[in-house]
Amino acid sequence: MYIIHKNFAVAPSENQRDILSTLNNPSIFGIQVELLVAALLGPIFEELICRGLIMNEFFYNSKYGLDMVISTLVFSLLHQHQNLVVLLPYIVFGFLLSLLYRITGKLQYSIIMHMSVNIILMWPLIQDNIIIFL
């Protein structure tokens, strides 16, 4: 997202503005909650909805991959982006998570992958605020 914003002058989405305003909040509790939600709780919720519910309950192993397509679209739209350039990384990541779930059949793998990516992307914020967790 950093590369897209620097090279394409795309305004951040509402979701990203909310995250930044929470992280810029001087409240230690606000930072802890945001990191916890974005790194741990968000991926669990999103994977349960997108992979667990959509791919299993609504479109179980559809012949033409409709389960993966719908799951990917819902995942990307959950992040509230206004244009395709900003939405594209979420579409790609959502498809990779859907593919991982389709291949393994294990929801915990997509949850762990999603958490790992979120933690890697948030690491500078976590590192800056590591004292909060001590």
C-alpha atoms as a PDB file:
ATOM      1  CA  MET A   1       0.000   0.000   0.000  1.00  0.00           C
ATOM      2  CA  TYR A   2       2.911   2.326   0.764  1.00  0.00           C
ATOM      3  CA  ILE A   3       4.304   1.850  -2.757  1.00  0.00           C
ATOM      4  CA  ILE A   4       0.908   2.471  -4.354  1.00  0.00           C
ATOM      5  CA  HIS A   5       0.340   5.666  -2.366  1.00  0.00           C
ATOM      6  CA  LYS A   6       3.827   6.989  -3.142  1.00  0.00           C
ATOM      7  CA  ASN A   7       3.789   6.181  -6.882  1.00  0.00           C
ATOM      8  CA  PHE A   8       0.155   6.689  -7.863  1.00  0.00           C
ATOM      9  CA  ALA A   9      -0.923   9.541  -5.558  1.00  0.00           C
ATOM     10  CA  VAL A  10      -4.007   7.600  -4.491  1.00  0.00           C
ATOM     11  CA  ALA A  11      -5.798   8.894  -1.436  1.00  0.00           C
ATOM     12  CA  PRO A  12      -5.931   6.430   1.462  1.00  0.00           C
ATOM     13  CA  SER A  13      -9.211   4.610   1.961  1.00  0.00           C
ATOM     14  CA  GLU A  14     -11.573   5.257   4.841  1.00  0.00           C
ATOM     15  CA  ASN A  15     -10.328   2.040   6.465  1.00  0.00           C
ATOM     16  CA  GLN A  16      -6.707   3.192   6.301  1.00  0.00           C
ATOM     17  CA  ARG A  17      -7.575   6.680   7.608  1.00  0.00           C
ATOM     18  CA  ASP A  18      -9.364   5.114  10.595  1.00  0.00           C
ATOM     19  CA  ILE A  19      -6.359   2.927  11.372  1.00  0.00           C
ATOM     20  CA  LEU A  20      -3.953   5.853  11.109  1.00  0.00           C
ATOM     21  CA  SER A  21      -6.103   8.100  13.291  1.00  0.00           C
ATOM     22  CA  THR A  22      -6.336   5.388  15.949  1.00  0.00           C
ATOM     23  CA  LEU A  23      -2.587   4.793  15.855  1.00  0.00           C
ATOM     24  CA  ASN A  24      -1.898   8.526  16.039  1.00  0.00           C
ATOM     25  CA  ASN A  25      -4.121   8.710  19.085  1.00  0.00           C
ATOM     26  CA  PRO A  26      -1.943   9.336  22.137  1.00  0.00           C
ATOM     27  CA  SER A  27      -3.991   6.820  24.092  1.00  0.00           C
ATOM     28  CA  ILE A  28      -1.947   3.715  24.843  1.00  0.00           C
ATOM     29  CA  PHE A  29      -5.143   1.701  25.110  1.00  0.00           C
ATOM     30  CA  GLY A  30      -6.193   2.806  21.585  1.00  0.00           C
ATOM     31  CA  ILE A  31      -2.913   1.609  20.127  1.00  0.00           C
ATOM     32  CA  GLN A  32      -3.113  -1.730  21.941  1.00  0.00           C
ATOM     33  CA  VAL A  33      -6.662  -2.333  20.739  1.00  0.00           C
ATOM     34  CA  GLU A  34      -5.845  -1.412  17.150  1.00  0.00           C
ATOM     35  CA  LEU A  35      -2.797  -3.680  17.030  1.00  0.00           C
ATOM     36  CA  LEU A  36      -4.715  -6.550  18.619  1.00  0.00           C
ATOM     37  CA  VAL A  37      -7.644  -6.215  16.225  1.00  0.00           C
ATOM     38  CA  ALA A  38      -5.574  -5.754  13.068  1.00  0.00           C
ATOM     39  CA  ALA A  39      -3.009  -8.435  13.846  1.00  0.00           C
ATOM     40  CA  LEU A  40      -5.092 -11.145  15.507  1.00  0.00           C
ATOM     41  CA  LEU A  41      -8.838 -10.669  15.719  1.00  0.00           C
ATOM     42  CA  GLY A  42      -9.371  -9.184  12.238  1.00  0.00           C
ATOM     43  CA  PRO A  43      -7.762 -12.107  10.397  1.00  0.00           C
ATOM     44  CA  ILE A  44      -9.752 -14.645  12.421  1.00  0.00           C
ATOM     45  CA  PHE A  45     -13.049 -12.885  11.722  1.00  0.00           C
ATOM     46  CA  GLU A  46     -12.287 -12.289   8.034  1.00  0.00           C
ATOM     47  CA  GLU A  47     -11.165 -15.865   7.442  1.00  0.00           C
ATOM     48  CA  LEU A  48     -14.198 -17.312   9.232  1.00  0.00           C
ATOM     49  CA  ILE A  49     -16.475 -15.217   7.027  1.00  0.00           C
ATOM     50  CA  CYS A  50     -14.641 -15.348   3.693  1.00  0.00           C
ATOM     51  CA  ARG A  51     -13.175 -18.840   3.690  1.00  0.00           C
ATOM     52  CA  GLY A  52     -15.182 -20.677   6.345  1.00  0.00           C
ATOM     53  CA  LEU A  53     -18.685 -19.417   5.649  1.00  0.00           C
ATOM     54  CA  ILE A  54     -18.646 -18.405   1.982  1.00  0.00           C
ATOM     55  CA  MET A  55     -16.438 -21.190   0.648  1.00  0.00           C
ATOM     56  CA  ASN A  56     -18.023 -23.941   2.764  1.00  0.00           C
ATOM     57  CA  GLU A  57     -21.640 -23.007   3.260  1.00  0.00           C
ATOM     58  CA  PHE A  58     -22.636 -21.043   0.175  1.00  0.00           C
ATOM     59  CA  PHE A  59     -20.398 -22.268  -2.644  1.00  0.00           C
ATOM     60  CA  TYR A  60     -18.792 -25.521  -1.495  1.00  0.00           C
ATOM     61  CA  ASN A  61     -16.060 -26.474  -4.040  1.00  0.00           C
ATOM     62  CA  SER A  62     -17.965 -25.006  -6.947  1.00  0.00           C
ATOM     63  CA  LYS A  63     -17.029 -26.382 -10.325  1.00  0.00           C
ATOM     64  CA  TYR A  64     -15.783 -23.102 -11.784  1.00  0.00           C
ATOM     65  CA  GLY A  65     -14.104 -21.713  -8.676  1.00  0.00           C
ATOM     66  CA  LEU A  66     -17.042 -19.456  -7.832  1.00  0.00           C
ATOM     67  CA  ASP A  67     -16.369 -20.090  -4.142  1.00  0.00           C
ATOM     68  CA  MET A  68     -12.883 -18.634  -4.529  1.00  0.00           C
ATOM     69  CA  VAL A  69     -14.032 -15.667  -6.629  1.00  0.00           C
ATOM     70  CA  ILE A  70     -16.874 -14.664  -4.294  1.00  0.00           C
ATOM     71  CA  SER A  71     -14.668 -15.194  -1.235  1.00  0.00           C
ATOM     72  CA  THR A  72     -11.952 -12.996  -2.776  1.00  0.00           C
ATOM     73  CA  LEU A  73     -14.402 -10.227  -3.670  1.00  0.00           C
ATOM     74  CA  VAL A  74     -15.996 -10.191  -0.221  1.00  0.00           C
ATOM     75  CA  PHE A  75     -12.547 -10.157   1.397  1.00  0.00           C
ATOM     76  CA  SER A  76     -11.389  -7.207  -0.692  1.00  0.00           C
ATOM     77  CA  LEU A  77     -14.626  -5.261  -0.203  1.00  0.00           C
ATOM     78  CA  LEU A  78     -14.416  -5.737   3.575  1.00  0.00           C
ATOM     79  CA  HIS A  79     -11.431  -3.402   3.448  1.00  0.00           C
ATOM     80  CA  GLN A  80     -13.596  -0.523   2.090  1.00  0.00           C
ATOM     81  CA  HIS A  81     -11.457   0.747  -0.754  1.00  0.00           C
ATOM     82  CA  GLN A  82     -12.814   3.202  -3.271  1.00  0.00           C
ATOM     83  CA  ASN A  83     -10.845   2.328  -6.396  1.00  0.00           C
ATOM     84  CA  LEU A  84      -9.304  -0.638  -8.165  1.00  0.00           C
ATOM     85  CA  VAL A  85      -5.657   0.420  -7.743  1.00  0.00           C
ATOM     86  CA  VAL A  86      -5.947   0.322  -3.958  1.00  0.00           C
ATOM     87  CA  LEU A  87      -8.233  -2.730  -4.033  1.00  0.00           C
ATOM     88  CA  LEU A  88      -5.888  -4.809  -6.224  1.00  0.00           C
ATOM     89  CA  PRO A  89      -3.457  -5.983  -3.477  1.00  0.00           C
ATOM     90  CA  TYR A  90      -6.435  -7.150  -1.410  1.00  0.00           C
ATOM     91  CA  ILE A  91      -7.873  -9.014  -4.387  1.00  0.00           C
ATOM     92  CA  VAL A  92      -4.563 -10.787  -4.983  1.00  0.00           C
ATOM     93  CA  PHE A  93      -4.057 -11.606  -1.294  1.00  0.00           C
ATOM     94  CA  GLY A  94      -7.677 -12.737  -0.917  1.00  0.00           C
ATOM     95  CA  PHE A  95      -7.295 -15.048  -3.910  1.00  0.00           C
ATOM     96  CA  LEU A  96      -4.069 -16.522  -2.501  1.00  0.00           C
ATOM     97  CA  LEU A  97      -5.784 -17.149   0.832  1.00  0.00           C
ATOM     98  CA  SER A  98      -8.712 -18.782  -0.978  1.00  0.00           C
ATOM     99  CA  LEU A  99      -6.326 -20.938  -2.967  1.00  0.00           C
ATOM    100  CA  LEU A 100      -4.462 -21.945   0.192  1.00  0.00           C
ATOM    101  CA  TYR A 101      -7.737 -22.916   1.835  1.00  0.00           C
ATOM    102  CA  ARG A 102      -8.922 -24.809  -1.258  1.00  0.00           C
ATOM    103  CA  ILE A 103      -5.659 -26.795  -1.462  1.00  0.00           C
ATOM    104  CA  THR A 104      -5.291 -27.603   2.246  1.00  0.00           C
ATOM    105  CA  GLY A 105      -8.913 -27.670   3.386  1.00  0.00           C
ATOM    106  CA  LYS A 106      -7.696 -26.250   6.706  1.00  0.00           C
ATOM    107  CA  LEU A 107      -8.990 -22.877   7.830  1.00  0.00           C
ATOM    108  CA  GLN A 108      -6.210 -22.505  10.386  1.00  0.00           C
ATOM    109  CA  TYR A 109      -3.596 -22.269   7.602  1.00  0.00           C
ATOM    110  CA  SER A 110      -5.291 -19.303   5.970  1.00  0.00           C
ATOM    111  CA  ILE A 111      -5.786 -17.687   9.395  1.00  0.00           C
ATOM    112  CA  ILE A 112      -2.091 -18.120  10.258  1.00  0.00           C
ATOM    113  CA  MET A 113      -1.028 -16.784   6.849  1.00  0.00           C
ATOM    114  CA  HIS A 114      -3.352 -13.788   7.188  1.00  0.00           C
ATOM    115  CA  MET A 115      -2.084 -13.035  10.715  1.00  0.00           C
ATOM    116  CA  SER A 116       1.523 -13.381   9.582  1.00  0.00           C
ATOM    117  CA  VAL A 117       1.103 -10.919   6.727  1.00  0.00           C
ATOM    118  CA  ASN A 118      -0.730  -8.424   8.954  1.00  0.00           C
ATOM    119  CA  ILE A 119       1.973  -8.668  11.616  1.00  0.00           C
ATOM    120  CA  ILE A 120       4.748  -8.218   9.026  1.00  0.00           C
ATOM    121  CA  LEU A 121       3.003  -5.162   7.567  1.00  0.00           C
ATOM    122  CA  MET A 122       2.359  -3.734  11.025  1.00  0.00           C
ATOM    123  CA  TRP A 123       5.800  -4.537  12.405  1.00  0.00           C
ATOM    124  CA  PRO A 124       7.072  -0.920  12.298  1.00  0.00           C
ATOM    125  CA  LEU A 125       4.056   0.150  14.373  1.00  0.00           C
ATOM    126  CA  ILE A 126       4.440  -2.788  16.730  1.00  0.00           C
ATOM    127  CA  GLN A 127       8.155  -2.117  17.094  1.00  0.00           C
ATOM    128  CA  ASP A 128       7.559   1.587  17.808  1.00  0.00           C
ATOM    129  CA  ASN A 129       5.010   0.713  20.475  1.00  0.00           C
ATOM    130  CA  ILE A 130       6.668  -2.406  21.936  1.00  0.00           C
ATOM    131  CA  ILE A 131       6.971  -0.756  25.340  1.00  0.00           C
ATOM    132  CA  ILE A 132       3.172  -0.846  25.575  1.00  0.00           C
ATOM    133  CA  PHE A 133       3.183  -4.621  25.747  1.00  0.00           C
ATOM    134  CA  LEU A 134       5.823  -4.893  28.494  1.00  0.00           C
END
